[in-house]
Amino acid sequence: MNQEDKELLLKDLTARLPYGVKCTTKSSWNGIYTIVGYKDNRFFLDCPIYDEGDDEWMIESIVPYLRPMSSMTKEEKLMYEGLMIGTDNVSYMLDVIDWLNSNHFDYHGLIPKGLAIEVTEENNPYE
């Protein structure tokens, strides 16, 4: 992973911390974890099923589960479009970003770069 991708992933994941983003790791512990914190260049992961893997991880080892923007439902598109109406105002733009993060949408294009796993109906750790 190059430095640019690390920085992009770091910015994306730290913004998602309040929203319980799910991830897996590039290790033999390939369960589904929730990112619960970040400090000193390490992410803290929690696995609700067992304690194995609850630990600190470097950014290079984390692969989040995100939804492509194209996966929005009709209701989500209406909500998104409604939020976008006021995007000339900074506070409204922050609402849009919060909404995208809380619904785990990949607005940074991490999935096509291989930095995130696409959430599908068959592969949805958020349900």
N, C-alpha and C. Protein backbone atom coordinates (compact mmCIF):
# COMPACT_ATOMS: atom_id res chain seq x y z
N MET A 1 0.86 -1.17 0.00
CA MET A 1 0.00 0.00 0.00
C MET A 1 0.91 1.24 0.00
N ASN A 2 0.67 2.13 -0.95
CA ASN A 2 1.51 3.32 -1.02
C ASN A 2 1.04 4.37 0.00
N GLN A 3 1.85 5.37 0.21
CA GLN A 3 1.59 6.39 1.23
C GLN A 3 0.29 7.16 0.95
N GLU A 4 0.02 7.44 -0.30
CA GLU A 4 -1.21 8.16 -0.67
C GLU A 4 -2.45 7.35 -0.28
N ASP A 5 -2.42 6.04 -0.54
CA ASP A 5 -3.56 5.19 -0.17
C ASP A 5 -3.70 5.08 1.34
N LYS A 6 -2.57 5.00 2.06
CA LYS A 6 -2.62 4.96 3.53
C LYS A 6 -3.28 6.22 4.07
N GLU A 7 -2.89 7.38 3.54
CA GLU A 7 -3.46 8.64 4.01
C GLU A 7 -4.94 8.74 3.69
N LEU A 8 -5.34 8.30 2.51
CA LEU A 8 -6.76 8.32 2.14
C LEU A 8 -7.57 7.40 3.05
N LEU A 9 -7.07 6.20 3.29
CA LEU A 9 -7.76 5.25 4.16
C LEU A 9 -7.83 5.77 5.59
N LEU A 10 -6.76 6.38 6.06
CA LEU A 10 -6.74 6.95 7.41
C LEU A 10 -7.79 8.05 7.55
N LYS A 11 -7.84 8.97 6.61
CA LYS A 11 -8.84 10.05 6.65
C LYS A 11 -10.25 9.48 6.64
N ASP A 12 -10.47 8.50 5.79
CA ASP A 12 -11.80 7.92 5.66
C ASP A 12 -12.21 7.20 6.95
N LEU A 13 -11.35 6.33 7.45
CA LEU A 13 -11.72 5.52 8.62
C LEU A 13 -11.85 6.33 9.89
N THR A 14 -11.00 7.32 10.09
CA THR A 14 -11.13 8.12 11.31
C THR A 14 -12.44 8.93 11.29
N ALA A 15 -12.89 9.34 10.12
CA ALA A 15 -14.17 10.05 10.03
C ALA A 15 -15.34 9.12 10.32
N ARG A 16 -15.16 7.84 10.11
CA ARG A 16 -16.23 6.87 10.32
C ARG A 16 -16.27 6.28 11.72
N LEU A 17 -15.33 6.61 12.58
CA LEU A 17 -15.26 6.01 13.91
C LEU A 17 -16.57 6.04 14.69
N PRO A 18 -17.33 7.14 14.69
CA PRO A 18 -18.57 7.15 15.46
C PRO A 18 -19.67 6.25 14.89
N TYR A 19 -19.47 5.71 13.69
CA TYR A 19 -20.54 4.99 13.00
C TYR A 19 -20.37 3.48 12.97
N GLY A 20 -19.42 2.94 13.72
CA GLY A 20 -19.30 1.49 13.83
C GLY A 20 -18.94 0.80 12.53
N VAL A 21 -17.98 1.33 11.80
CA VAL A 21 -17.60 0.71 10.53
C VAL A 21 -17.03 -0.69 10.79
N LYS A 22 -17.47 -1.62 9.98
CA LYS A 22 -17.01 -3.01 10.07
C LYS A 22 -15.81 -3.20 9.15
N CYS A 23 -14.97 -4.15 9.54
CA CYS A 23 -13.79 -4.42 8.72
C CYS A 23 -13.34 -5.86 8.94
N THR A 24 -12.38 -6.26 8.14
CA THR A 24 -11.67 -7.50 8.35
C THR A 24 -10.19 -7.12 8.32
N THR A 25 -9.33 -8.10 8.51
CA THR A 25 -7.90 -7.80 8.50
C THR A 25 -7.20 -8.67 7.46
N LYS A 26 -6.04 -8.22 7.06
CA LYS A 26 -5.22 -8.99 6.13
C LYS A 26 -4.30 -9.90 6.93
N SER A 27 -4.89 -10.75 7.72
CA SER A 27 -4.12 -11.68 8.55
C SER A 27 -4.89 -12.99 8.65
N SER A 28 -4.37 -13.88 9.42
CA SER A 28 -5.06 -15.16 9.60
C SER A 28 -6.33 -14.97 10.43
N TRP A 29 -6.45 -13.86 11.14
CA TRP A 29 -7.67 -13.53 11.89
C TRP A 29 -8.57 -12.75 10.96
N ASN A 30 -9.29 -13.41 10.10
CA ASN A 30 -10.08 -12.71 9.09
C ASN A 30 -11.56 -12.64 9.43
N GLY A 31 -11.87 -12.49 10.71
CA GLY A 31 -13.26 -12.32 11.12
C GLY A 31 -13.76 -10.94 10.78
N ILE A 32 -14.96 -10.63 11.26
CA ILE A 32 -15.53 -9.30 11.06
C ILE A 32 -15.41 -8.55 12.38
N TYR A 33 -14.81 -7.39 12.31
CA TYR A 33 -14.53 -6.58 13.49
C TYR A 33 -15.20 -5.21 13.34
N THR A 34 -15.35 -4.51 14.44
CA THR A 34 -15.80 -3.13 14.44
C THR A 34 -14.62 -2.27 14.84
N ILE A 35 -14.38 -1.21 14.08
CA ILE A 35 -13.31 -0.28 14.44
C ILE A 35 -13.84 0.61 15.55
N VAL A 36 -13.16 0.59 16.70
CA VAL A 36 -13.67 1.31 17.87
C VAL A 36 -12.78 2.47 18.31
N GLY A 37 -11.59 2.60 17.73
CA GLY A 37 -10.74 3.70 18.14
C GLY A 37 -9.50 3.81 17.29
N TYR A 38 -8.79 4.92 17.50
CA TYR A 38 -7.55 5.17 16.77
C TYR A 38 -6.64 5.99 17.67
N LYS A 39 -5.37 5.59 17.74
CA LYS A 39 -4.38 6.34 18.51
C LYS A 39 -2.99 5.91 18.08
N ASP A 40 -2.10 6.87 17.94
CA ASP A 40 -0.69 6.59 17.64
C ASP A 40 -0.52 5.67 16.44
N ASN A 41 -1.19 5.99 15.34
CA ASN A 41 -1.09 5.23 14.09
C ASN A 41 -1.59 3.80 14.19
N ARG A 42 -2.45 3.52 15.13
CA ARG A 42 -3.02 2.18 15.27
C ARG A 42 -4.53 2.27 15.48
N PHE A 43 -5.24 1.34 14.83
CA PHE A 43 -6.68 1.24 15.00
C PHE A 43 -6.97 0.14 16.01
N PHE A 44 -8.01 0.36 16.80
CA PHE A 44 -8.44 -0.62 17.79
C PHE A 44 -9.69 -1.30 17.24
N LEU A 45 -9.68 -2.62 17.22
CA LEU A 45 -10.78 -3.40 16.68
C LEU A 45 -11.44 -4.21 17.77
N ASP A 46 -12.75 -4.41 17.62
CA ASP A 46 -13.51 -5.22 18.56
C ASP A 46 -14.30 -6.26 17.79
N CYS A 47 -14.23 -7.48 18.26
CA CYS A 47 -15.02 -8.57 17.67
C CYS A 47 -16.03 -9.03 18.70
N PRO A 48 -17.33 -8.92 18.41
CA PRO A 48 -18.34 -9.28 19.40
C PRO A 48 -18.46 -10.78 19.65
N ILE A 49 -17.92 -11.61 18.77
CA ILE A 49 -18.09 -13.05 18.92
C ILE A 49 -17.06 -13.66 19.86
N TYR A 50 -15.83 -13.21 19.75
CA TYR A 50 -14.77 -13.73 20.62
C TYR A 50 -13.68 -12.69 20.79
N ASP A 51 -12.86 -12.88 21.78
CA ASP A 51 -11.83 -11.89 22.08
C ASP A 51 -10.63 -11.98 21.15
N GLU A 52 -10.45 -13.11 20.50
CA GLU A 52 -9.31 -13.25 19.59
C GLU A 52 -9.38 -12.16 18.53
N GLY A 53 -8.32 -11.39 18.41
CA GLY A 53 -8.28 -10.33 17.41
C GLY A 53 -8.57 -8.96 17.97
N ASP A 54 -9.13 -8.88 19.19
CA ASP A 54 -9.31 -7.57 19.80
C ASP A 54 -7.93 -7.02 20.10
N ASP A 55 -7.51 -6.06 19.36
CA ASP A 55 -6.13 -5.62 19.47
C ASP A 55 -5.94 -4.34 18.68
N GLU A 56 -4.70 -3.90 18.62
CA GLU A 56 -4.32 -2.74 17.83
C GLU A 56 -3.82 -3.22 16.47
N TRP A 57 -4.21 -2.49 15.41
CA TRP A 57 -3.82 -2.89 14.06
C TRP A 57 -3.33 -1.67 13.27
N MET A 58 -2.35 -1.88 12.44
CA MET A 58 -1.85 -0.83 11.55
C MET A 58 -2.83 -0.68 10.38
N ILE A 59 -2.86 0.49 9.81
CA ILE A 59 -3.78 0.81 8.71
C ILE A 59 -3.63 -0.15 7.53
N GLU A 60 -2.40 -0.60 7.28
CA GLU A 60 -2.16 -1.49 6.14
C GLU A 60 -2.86 -2.84 6.29
N SER A 61 -3.23 -3.19 7.51
CA SER A 61 -3.84 -4.50 7.77
C SER A 61 -5.36 -4.47 7.80
N ILE A 62 -5.95 -3.29 7.68
CA ILE A 62 -7.41 -3.16 7.83
C ILE A 62 -8.08 -2.99 6.48
N VAL A 63 -9.19 -3.73 6.28
CA VAL A 63 -9.98 -3.62 5.06
C VAL A 63 -11.44 -3.41 5.48
N PRO A 64 -11.95 -2.18 5.32
CA PRO A 64 -13.33 -1.90 5.73
C PRO A 64 -14.36 -2.45 4.76
N TYR A 65 -15.56 -2.68 5.28
CA TYR A 65 -16.71 -3.04 4.45
C TYR A 65 -17.49 -1.76 4.19
N LEU A 66 -17.64 -1.40 2.91
CA LEU A 66 -18.36 -0.19 2.53
C LEU A 66 -19.34 -0.46 1.41
N ARG A 67 -20.31 0.40 1.31
CA ARG A 67 -21.32 0.31 0.26
C ARG A 67 -20.96 1.22 -0.89
N PRO A 68 -21.03 0.74 -2.12
CA PRO A 68 -20.82 1.65 -3.25
C PRO A 68 -21.95 2.67 -3.30
N MET A 69 -21.65 3.84 -3.79
CA MET A 69 -22.68 4.88 -3.92
C MET A 69 -23.84 4.38 -4.79
N SER A 70 -23.54 3.53 -5.74
CA SER A 70 -24.57 3.02 -6.65
C SER A 70 -25.55 2.07 -5.96
N SER A 71 -25.28 1.68 -4.71
CA SER A 71 -26.17 0.74 -4.03
C SER A 71 -27.28 1.44 -3.23
N MET A 72 -27.36 2.75 -3.34
CA MET A 72 -28.42 3.47 -2.61
C MET A 72 -29.80 2.99 -3.05
N THR A 73 -30.67 2.82 -2.07
CA THR A 73 -32.06 2.50 -2.37
C THR A 73 -32.77 3.78 -2.82
N LYS A 74 -33.99 3.65 -3.33
CA LYS A 74 -34.75 4.83 -3.75
C LYS A 74 -34.93 5.81 -2.58
N GLU A 75 -35.24 5.25 -1.41
CA GLU A 75 -35.44 6.09 -0.23
C GLU A 75 -34.14 6.81 0.15
N GLU A 76 -33.03 6.10 0.07
CA GLU A 76 -31.74 6.72 0.38
C GLU A 76 -31.38 7.80 -0.63
N LYS A 77 -31.68 7.56 -1.91
CA LYS A 77 -31.41 8.57 -2.93
C LYS A 77 -32.20 9.84 -2.65
N LEU A 78 -33.46 9.68 -2.27
CA LEU A 78 -34.28 10.85 -1.94
C LEU A 78 -33.71 11.60 -0.74
N MET A 79 -33.29 10.87 0.27
CA MET A 79 -32.68 11.49 1.45
C MET A 79 -31.39 12.22 1.07
N TYR A 80 -30.55 11.56 0.30
CA TYR A 80 -29.28 12.13 -0.14
C TYR A 80 -29.52 13.40 -0.96
N GLU A 81 -30.43 13.33 -1.92
CA GLU A 81 -30.74 14.49 -2.75
C GLU A 81 -31.29 15.64 -1.91
N GLY A 82 -32.11 15.31 -0.92
CA GLY A 82 -32.64 16.33 -0.02
C GLY A 82 -31.54 16.99 0.79
N LEU A 83 -30.58 16.21 1.25
CA LEU A 83 -29.46 16.77 2.00
C LEU A 83 -28.57 17.63 1.11
N MET A 84 -28.43 17.23 -0.16
CA MET A 84 -27.55 17.95 -1.08
C MET A 84 -28.08 19.33 -1.46
N ILE A 85 -29.36 19.59 -1.23
CA ILE A 85 -29.95 20.87 -1.61
C ILE A 85 -29.21 22.03 -0.95
N GLY A 86 -28.80 21.88 0.29
CA GLY A 86 -28.17 22.99 0.99
C GLY A 86 -26.65 22.93 1.04
N THR A 87 -26.02 22.24 0.09
CA THR A 87 -24.58 22.04 0.19
C THR A 87 -23.74 23.28 -0.04
N ASP A 88 -24.36 24.40 -0.38
CA ASP A 88 -23.59 25.64 -0.47
C ASP A 88 -23.28 26.18 0.93
N ASN A 89 -23.93 25.63 1.93
CA ASN A 89 -23.71 25.98 3.32
C ASN A 89 -22.85 24.89 3.96
N VAL A 90 -21.78 25.26 4.62
CA VAL A 90 -20.84 24.28 5.20
C VAL A 90 -21.53 23.33 6.17
N SER A 91 -22.41 23.84 7.01
CA SER A 91 -23.06 22.95 7.98
C SER A 91 -23.92 21.91 7.30
N TYR A 92 -24.54 22.27 6.17
CA TYR A 92 -25.32 21.27 5.43
C TYR A 92 -24.40 20.22 4.80
N MET A 93 -23.24 20.65 4.32
CA MET A 93 -22.30 19.70 3.72
C MET A 93 -21.81 18.70 4.78
N LEU A 94 -21.61 19.18 5.99
CA LEU A 94 -21.21 18.27 7.07
C LEU A 94 -22.32 17.26 7.35
N ASP A 95 -23.57 17.68 7.24
CA ASP A 95 -24.69 16.75 7.41
C ASP A 95 -24.65 15.66 6.34
N VAL A 96 -24.32 16.05 5.11
CA VAL A 96 -24.23 15.08 4.02
C VAL A 96 -23.14 14.06 4.31
N ILE A 97 -21.96 14.52 4.72
CA ILE A 97 -20.85 13.62 5.01
C ILE A 97 -21.19 12.70 6.18
N ASP A 98 -21.82 13.25 7.22
CA ASP A 98 -22.24 12.42 8.35
C ASP A 98 -23.22 11.34 7.90
N TRP A 99 -24.16 11.73 7.04
CA TRP A 99 -25.15 10.76 6.56
C TRP A 99 -24.48 9.66 5.73
N LEU A 100 -23.55 10.05 4.83
CA LEU A 100 -22.84 9.06 4.02
C LEU A 100 -22.04 8.11 4.92
N ASN A 101 -21.37 8.65 5.93
CA ASN A 101 -20.60 7.82 6.85
C ASN A 101 -21.50 6.88 7.65
N SER A 102 -22.61 7.41 8.14
CA SER A 102 -23.49 6.58 8.98
C SER A 102 -24.14 5.46 8.19
N ASN A 103 -24.23 5.62 6.87
CA ASN A 103 -24.78 4.57 6.02
C ASN A 103 -23.70 3.79 5.28
N HIS A 104 -22.45 4.04 5.63
CA HIS A 104 -21.29 3.28 5.16
C HIS A 104 -21.08 3.33 3.64
N PHE A 105 -21.35 4.51 3.06
CA PHE A 105 -21.14 4.66 1.62
C PHE A 105 -19.68 5.01 1.32
N ASP A 106 -19.18 4.46 0.24
CA ASP A 106 -17.79 4.67 -0.20
C ASP A 106 -17.70 5.88 -1.12
N TYR A 107 -17.68 7.07 -0.54
CA TYR A 107 -17.61 8.29 -1.35
C TYR A 107 -16.17 8.68 -1.68
N HIS A 108 -15.19 7.96 -1.14
CA HIS A 108 -13.79 8.20 -1.48
C HIS A 108 -13.26 7.26 -2.56
N GLY A 109 -14.08 6.33 -3.02
CA GLY A 109 -13.63 5.41 -4.06
C GLY A 109 -12.63 4.37 -3.57
N LEU A 110 -12.79 3.90 -2.34
CA LEU A 110 -11.87 2.90 -1.78
C LEU A 110 -12.09 1.52 -2.39
N ILE A 111 -13.33 1.19 -2.72
CA ILE A 111 -13.62 -0.14 -3.27
C ILE A 111 -12.89 -0.37 -4.59
N PRO A 112 -12.98 0.53 -5.57
CA PRO A 112 -12.26 0.30 -6.83
C PRO A 112 -10.74 0.24 -6.67
N LYS A 113 -10.22 0.89 -5.62
CA LYS A 113 -8.77 0.86 -5.38
C LYS A 113 -8.33 -0.40 -4.64
N GLY A 114 -9.30 -1.25 -4.26
CA GLY A 114 -8.96 -2.47 -3.52
C GLY A 114 -8.67 -2.20 -2.05
N LEU A 115 -9.09 -1.04 -1.54
CA LEU A 115 -8.84 -0.68 -0.14
C LEU A 115 -10.03 -0.97 0.76
N ALA A 116 -11.15 -1.39 0.17
CA ALA A 116 -12.36 -1.72 0.93
C ALA A 116 -13.08 -2.86 0.23
N ILE A 117 -13.91 -3.55 1.00
CA ILE A 117 -14.71 -4.65 0.49
C ILE A 117 -16.13 -4.13 0.24
N GLU A 118 -16.68 -4.44 -0.92
CA GLU A 118 -18.03 -4.01 -1.27
C GLU A 118 -19.06 -4.79 -0.47
N VAL A 119 -19.95 -4.06 0.19
CA VAL A 119 -21.07 -4.67 0.87
C VAL A 119 -22.10 -5.05 -0.17
N THR A 120 -22.56 -6.30 -0.12
CA THR A 120 -23.60 -6.79 -1.02
C THR A 120 -24.70 -7.40 -0.17
N GLU A 121 -25.79 -7.82 -0.81
CA GLU A 121 -26.85 -8.51 -0.06
C GLU A 121 -26.34 -9.77 0.60
N GLU A 122 -25.45 -10.48 -0.09
CA GLU A 122 -24.91 -11.74 0.42
C GLU A 122 -23.79 -11.52 1.43
N ASN A 123 -23.16 -10.35 1.37
CA ASN A 123 -21.99 -10.07 2.18
C ASN A 123 -22.20 -8.73 2.89
N ASN A 124 -23.06 -8.72 3.91
CA ASN A 124 -23.39 -7.48 4.60
C ASN A 124 -23.20 -7.64 6.11
N PRO A 125 -22.05 -7.22 6.62
CA PRO A 125 -21.80 -7.37 8.05
C PRO A 125 -22.59 -6.40 8.92
N TYR A 126 -23.32 -5.47 8.31
CA TYR A 126 -24.07 -4.49 9.07
C TYR A 126 -25.47 -4.98 9.43
N GLU A 127 -25.88 -6.09 8.88
CA GLU A 127 -27.22 -6.60 9.18
C GLU A 127 -27.18 -7.55 10.34
